C-alpha atoms as a PDB file:
ATOM      1  CA  MET A   1     138.637  92.790  79.112  1.00  0.00           C
ATOM      2  CA  LYS A   2     135.849  92.501  81.686  1.00  0.00           C
ATOM      3  CA  ILE A   3     134.700  88.958  82.435  1.00  0.00           C
ATOM      4  CA  ASN A   4     131.794  87.998  84.695  1.00  0.00           C
ATOM      5  CA  CYS A   5     132.224  85.076  87.017  1.00  0.00           C
ATOM      6  CA  ASP A   6     129.231  83.170  85.712  1.00  0.00           C
ATOM      7  CA  ALA A   7     128.348  79.509  85.234  1.00  0.00           C
ATOM      8  CA  LYS A   8     130.204  79.339  81.932  1.00  0.00           C
ATOM      9  CA  LEU A   9     133.435  80.622  83.485  1.00  0.00           C
ATOM     10  CA  ILE A  10     133.136  78.333  86.500  1.00  0.00           C
ATOM     11  CA  ARG A  11     132.734  75.295  84.249  1.00  0.00           C
ATOM     12  CA  TYR A  12     135.615  76.438  82.031  1.00  0.00           C
ATOM     13  CA  ILE A  13     137.952  76.812  84.986  1.00  0.00           C
ATOM     14  CA  ALA A  14     136.916  73.503  86.586  1.00  0.00           C
ATOM     15  CA  ASP A  15     137.194  71.615  83.284  1.00  0.00           C
ATOM     16  CA  ASN A  16     140.588  73.028  82.358  1.00  0.00           C
ATOM     17  CA  LEU A  17     142.516  73.323  85.619  1.00  0.00           C
ATOM     18  CA  GLU A  18     144.525  70.199  84.875  1.00  0.00           C
ATOM     19  CA  ASP A  19     144.624  70.547  81.092  1.00  0.00           C
ATOM     20  CA  PRO A  20     148.267  70.964  80.029  1.00  0.00           C
ATOM     21  CA  ARG A  21     147.257  73.249  77.146  1.00  0.00           C
ATOM     22  CA  LYS A  22     144.808  75.500  78.990  1.00  0.00           C
ATOM     23  CA  GLY A  23     146.103  75.242  82.552  1.00  0.00           C
ATOM     24  CA  GLU A  24     148.306  78.317  82.258  1.00  0.00           C
ATOM     25  CA  GLU A  25     145.419  80.426  80.953  1.00  0.00           C
ATOM     26  CA  VAL A  26     143.190  79.188  83.776  1.00  0.00           C
ATOM     27  CA  GLN A  27     145.839  80.059  86.365  1.00  0.00           C
ATOM     28  CA  GLU A  28     146.093  83.546  84.877  1.00  0.00           C
ATOM     29  CA  MET A  29     142.310  83.899  85.164  1.00  0.00           C
ATOM     30  CA  ILE A  30     142.417  82.805  88.793  1.00  0.00           C
ATOM     31  CA  GLU A  31     145.217  85.280  89.503  1.00  0.00           C
ATOM     32  CA  ALA A  32     143.111  88.030  87.907  1.00  0.00           C
ATOM     33  CA  ILE A  33     140.135  87.022  90.070  1.00  0.00           C
ATOM     34  CA  VAL A  34     142.312  87.126  93.193  1.00  0.00           C
ATOM     35  CA  ALA A  35     143.676  90.549  92.240  1.00  0.00           C
ATOM     36  CA  GLU A  36     140.159  91.899  91.684  1.00  0.00           C
ATOM     37  CA  LEU A  37     138.910  90.440  94.977  1.00  0.00           C
ATOM     38  CA  LYS A  38     141.828  92.059  96.809  1.00  0.00           C
ATOM     39  CA  LYS A  39     141.049  95.358  95.106  1.00  0.00           C
ATOM     40  CA  ASP A  40     137.366  95.057  96.064  1.00  0.00           C
ATOM     41  CA  PHE A  41     138.355  94.260  99.650  1.00  0.00           C
ATOM     42  CA  ARG A  42     140.625  97.312  99.857  1.00  0.00           C
ATOM     43  CA  GLU A  43     137.747  99.428  98.551  1.00  0.00           C
ATOM     44  CA  TYR A  44     135.421  97.891 101.127  1.00  0.00           C
ATOM     45  CA  GLN A  45     137.957  98.675 103.865  1.00  0.00           C
ATOM     46  CA  ARG A  46     138.157 102.312 102.751  1.00  0.00           C
ATOM     47  CA  LYS A  47     134.377 102.662 102.971  1.00  0.00           C
ATOM     48  CA  HIS A  48     133.996 100.981 106.375  1.00  0.00           C
ATOM     49  CA  SER A  49     135.883 102.204 109.412  1.00  0.00           C
ATOM     50  CA  ARG A  50     135.155  99.076 111.412  1.00  0.00           C
ATOM     51  CA  ILE A  51     135.268  95.606 109.952  1.00  0.00           C
ATOM     52  CA  SER A  52     133.887  92.688 111.915  1.00  0.00           C
ATOM     53  CA  ASP A  53     135.832  89.479 112.330  1.00  0.00           C
ATOM     54  CA  GLU A  54     133.158  87.713 110.286  1.00  0.00           C
ATOM     55  CA  THR A  55     133.529  90.143 107.404  1.00  0.00           C
ATOM     56  CA  LEU A  56     137.301  89.874 107.514  1.00  0.00           C
ATOM     57  CA  ALA A  57     137.034  86.077 107.531  1.00  0.00           C
ATOM     58  CA  HIS A  58     134.634  86.236 104.573  1.00  0.00           C
ATOM     59  CA  TRP A  59     137.009  88.257 102.400  1.00  0.00           C
ATOM     60  CA  GLU A  60     140.154  86.385 103.422  1.00  0.00           C
ATOM     61  CA  GLY A  61     138.402  83.034 103.007  1.00  0.00           C
ATOM     62  CA  LEU A  62     137.060  83.899  99.578  1.00  0.00           C
ATOM     63  CA  ILE A  63     140.444  85.111  98.353  1.00  0.00           C
ATOM     64  CA  CYS A  64     142.067  81.942  99.644  1.00  0.00           C
ATOM     65  CA  GLU A  65     139.380  79.569  98.367  1.00  0.00           C
ATOM     66  CA  VAL A  66     139.399  80.747  94.749  1.00  0.00           C
ATOM     67  CA  GLN A  67     143.054  79.713  94.592  1.00  0.00           C
ATOM     68  CA  ASN A  68     142.154  76.138  95.536  1.00  0.00           C
ATOM     69  CA  PRO A  69     141.186  73.832  92.645  1.00  0.00           C
ATOM     70  CA  ASP A  70     138.681  72.041  94.891  1.00  0.00           C
ATOM     71  CA  PHE A  71     136.687  75.275  95.132  1.00  0.00           C
ATOM     72  CA  TRP A  72     136.130  75.313  91.362  1.00  0.00           C
ATOM     73  CA  TYR A  73     135.251  71.601  91.254  1.00  0.00           C
ATOM     74  CA  LYS A  74     132.695  72.133  94.038  1.00  0.00           C
ATOM     75  CA  MET A  75     131.206  75.174  92.329  1.00  0.00           C
ATOM     76  CA  ALA A  76     130.901  73.276  89.041  1.00  0.00           C
ATOM     77  CA  HIS A  77     129.257  70.393  90.888  1.00  0.00           C
ATOM     78  CA  LEU A  78     126.709  72.754  92.435  1.00  0.00           C
ATOM     79  CA  LEU A  79     125.871  74.245  89.051  1.00  0.00           C
ATOM     80  CA  ASP A  80     124.630  70.835  87.922  1.00  0.00           C
ATOM     81  CA  PHE A  81     123.075  69.886  91.252  1.00  0.00           C
ATOM     82  CA  SER A  82     119.338  69.664  91.588  1.00  0.00           C
ATOM     83  CA  PHE A  83     117.054  68.743  94.434  1.00  0.00           C
ATOM     84  CA  GLU A  84     113.408  68.688  95.376  1.00  0.00           C
ATOM     85  CA  TYR A  85     112.051  71.049  97.951  1.00  0.00           C
END
């Protein structure tokens, strides 16, 4: 099943990370996200002969961050954040 990482998914993950009933499902989703990011990174590496340190840090950081519950709480917070410009 293909799932987009949209606002609904971000809220679902953030709201259910610590839920004893849904926590396992959320962890499985996060593991699937990590696996897909790693796959995308491998594909990126195949297409680019040289990878800058910044690009490497981006991919490694993203893969690491999505495994951290604080990442999902921050993302959910930003979804509801508003400001005047």
